[in-house]
Amino acid sequence: MTDKDTDKDKDPRVQGEGDYRAARRHRRDVEQFVATSDTEQLAREAAPRSEAEHQEMLDAERQGKAGAKGGKPGNRPNER
């Protein structure tokens, strides 16, 4: 099989991890959500209600970042 053969099998709409139609649909949905929602109110509702909840959110963020590319080995979730 040559490179030309494999290129024929590829869906021309797929660009990397997605396609243009999906990107446009997502952009449209986000714009509609922002235009029709009270984002400031939603942010207030999502804010921590106590210092303990605030700390829990910070800890979860740190744990998530530790598993990201470049995180220190041993700090990643599920790593011994």
C-alpha atoms as a PDB file:
ATOM      1  CA  MET A   1       0.000   0.000   0.000  1.00  0.00           C
ATOM      2  CA  THR A   2       1.389   3.435  -0.934  1.00  0.00           C
ATOM      3  CA  ASP A   3       0.888   6.791   0.766  1.00  0.00           C
ATOM      4  CA  LYS A   4      -1.558   7.702  -2.009  1.00  0.00           C
ATOM      5  CA  ASP A   5      -3.740   4.700  -1.146  1.00  0.00           C
ATOM      6  CA  THR A   6      -3.999   5.690   2.509  1.00  0.00           C
ATOM      7  CA  ASP A   7      -4.771   9.324   1.621  1.00  0.00           C
ATOM      8  CA  LYS A   8      -7.789   8.192  -0.431  1.00  0.00           C
ATOM      9  CA  ASP A   9      -9.260   6.420   2.592  1.00  0.00           C
ATOM     10  CA  LYS A  10      -9.133   9.491   4.819  1.00  0.00           C
ATOM     11  CA  ASP A  11     -12.246  11.591   5.349  1.00  0.00           C
ATOM     12  CA  PRO A  12     -11.410  15.038   3.924  1.00  0.00           C
ATOM     13  CA  ARG A  13     -13.571  16.727   6.575  1.00  0.00           C
ATOM     14  CA  VAL A  14     -11.433  15.432   9.428  1.00  0.00           C
ATOM     15  CA  GLN A  15      -8.679  17.829  10.385  1.00  0.00           C
ATOM     16  CA  GLY A  16      -6.530  16.476  13.200  1.00  0.00           C
ATOM     17  CA  GLU A  17      -8.738  15.642  16.161  1.00  0.00           C
ATOM     18  CA  GLY A  18     -11.930  17.152  14.761  1.00  0.00           C
ATOM     19  CA  ASP A  19     -13.540  18.587  11.702  1.00  0.00           C
ATOM     20  CA  TYR A  20     -14.577  22.004  10.521  1.00  0.00           C
ATOM     21  CA  ARG A  21     -18.306  21.364  10.910  1.00  0.00           C
ATOM     22  CA  ALA A  22     -17.857  20.268  14.521  1.00  0.00           C
ATOM     23  CA  ALA A  23     -15.729  23.335  15.243  1.00  0.00           C
ATOM     24  CA  ARG A  24     -18.335  25.669  13.731  1.00  0.00           C
ATOM     25  CA  ARG A  25     -21.142  23.938  15.638  1.00  0.00           C
ATOM     26  CA  HIS A  26     -19.220  24.208  18.906  1.00  0.00           C
ATOM     27  CA  ARG A  27     -18.396  27.884  18.311  1.00  0.00           C
ATOM     28  CA  ARG A  28     -22.052  28.625  17.500  1.00  0.00           C
ATOM     29  CA  ASP A  29     -23.250  26.826  20.641  1.00  0.00           C
ATOM     30  CA  VAL A  30     -20.757  28.669  22.862  1.00  0.00           C
ATOM     31  CA  GLU A  31     -21.707  32.037  21.377  1.00  0.00           C
ATOM     32  CA  GLN A  32     -25.397  31.257  21.887  1.00  0.00           C
ATOM     33  CA  PHE A  33     -24.803  30.177  25.498  1.00  0.00           C
ATOM     34  CA  VAL A  34     -22.874  33.359  26.278  1.00  0.00           C
ATOM     35  CA  ALA A  35     -25.501  35.546  24.584  1.00  0.00           C
ATOM     36  CA  THR A  36     -28.456  33.948  26.384  1.00  0.00           C
ATOM     37  CA  SER A  37     -26.992  33.227  29.824  1.00  0.00           C
ATOM     38  CA  ASP A  38     -26.184  35.407  32.801  1.00  0.00           C
ATOM     39  CA  THR A  39     -22.563  34.312  32.974  1.00  0.00           C
ATOM     40  CA  GLU A  40     -21.799  36.563  35.950  1.00  0.00           C
ATOM     41  CA  GLN A  41     -24.605  34.919  37.931  1.00  0.00           C
ATOM     42  CA  LEU A  42     -23.373  31.475  36.920  1.00  0.00           C
ATOM     43  CA  ALA A  43     -19.873  32.414  38.103  1.00  0.00           C
ATOM     44  CA  ARG A  44     -21.248  33.569  41.469  1.00  0.00           C
ATOM     45  CA  GLU A  45     -23.155  30.286  41.833  1.00  0.00           C
ATOM     46  CA  ALA A  46     -19.984  28.300  41.068  1.00  0.00           C
ATOM     47  CA  ALA A  47     -17.872  30.177  43.620  1.00  0.00           C
ATOM     48  CA  PRO A  48     -16.835  28.262  46.756  1.00  0.00           C
ATOM     49  CA  ARG A  49     -19.227  28.711  49.676  1.00  0.00           C
ATOM     50  CA  SER A  50     -16.634  28.238  52.408  1.00  0.00           C
ATOM     51  CA  GLU A  51     -12.888  28.306  52.992  1.00  0.00           C
ATOM     52  CA  ALA A  52     -12.915  24.493  53.138  1.00  0.00           C
ATOM     53  CA  GLU A  53     -14.633  24.276  49.742  1.00  0.00           C
ATOM     54  CA  HIS A  54     -12.177  26.839  48.356  1.00  0.00           C
ATOM     55  CA  GLN A  55      -9.250  24.719  49.582  1.00  0.00           C
ATOM     56  CA  GLU A  56     -10.822  21.582  48.121  1.00  0.00           C
ATOM     57  CA  MET A  57     -11.092  23.295  44.734  1.00  0.00           C
ATOM     58  CA  LEU A  58      -7.452  24.424  44.873  1.00  0.00           C
ATOM     59  CA  ASP A  59      -6.325  20.916  45.809  1.00  0.00           C
ATOM     60  CA  ALA A  60      -8.298  19.424  42.906  1.00  0.00           C
ATOM     61  CA  GLU A  61      -6.762  21.957  40.524  1.00  0.00           C
ATOM     62  CA  ARG A  62      -3.251  21.142  41.763  1.00  0.00           C
ATOM     63  CA  GLN A  63      -3.906  17.422  41.376  1.00  0.00           C
ATOM     64  CA  GLY A  64      -5.198  17.916  37.837  1.00  0.00           C
ATOM     65  CA  LYS A  65      -2.218  20.027  36.849  1.00  0.00           C
ATOM     66  CA  ALA A  66       0.187  17.484  38.332  1.00  0.00           C
ATOM     67  CA  GLY A  67      -1.063  14.910  35.835  1.00  0.00           C
ATOM     68  CA  ALA A  68      -0.591  17.268  32.918  1.00  0.00           C
ATOM     69  CA  LYS A  69       2.348  17.002  30.554  1.00  0.00           C
ATOM     70  CA  GLY A  70       5.435  18.195  32.346  1.00  0.00           C
ATOM     71  CA  GLY A  71       4.058  17.415  35.797  1.00  0.00           C
ATOM     72  CA  LYS A  72       6.538  15.988  38.266  1.00  0.00           C
ATOM     73  CA  PRO A  73       6.665  12.176  38.333  1.00  0.00           C
ATOM     74  CA  GLY A  74       5.119  10.805  41.498  1.00  0.00           C
ATOM     75  CA  ASN A  75       2.650  13.696  41.736  1.00  0.00           C
ATOM     76  CA  ARG A  76       0.373  12.383  39.033  1.00  0.00           C
ATOM     77  CA  PRO A  77      -2.918  10.769  40.087  1.00  0.00           C
ATOM     78  CA  ASN A  78      -2.790   6.950  40.121  1.00  0.00           C
ATOM     79  CA  GLU A  79       1.008   6.953  40.051  1.00  0.00           C
ATOM     80  CA  ARG A  80       2.976   5.227  42.786  1.00  0.00           C
END
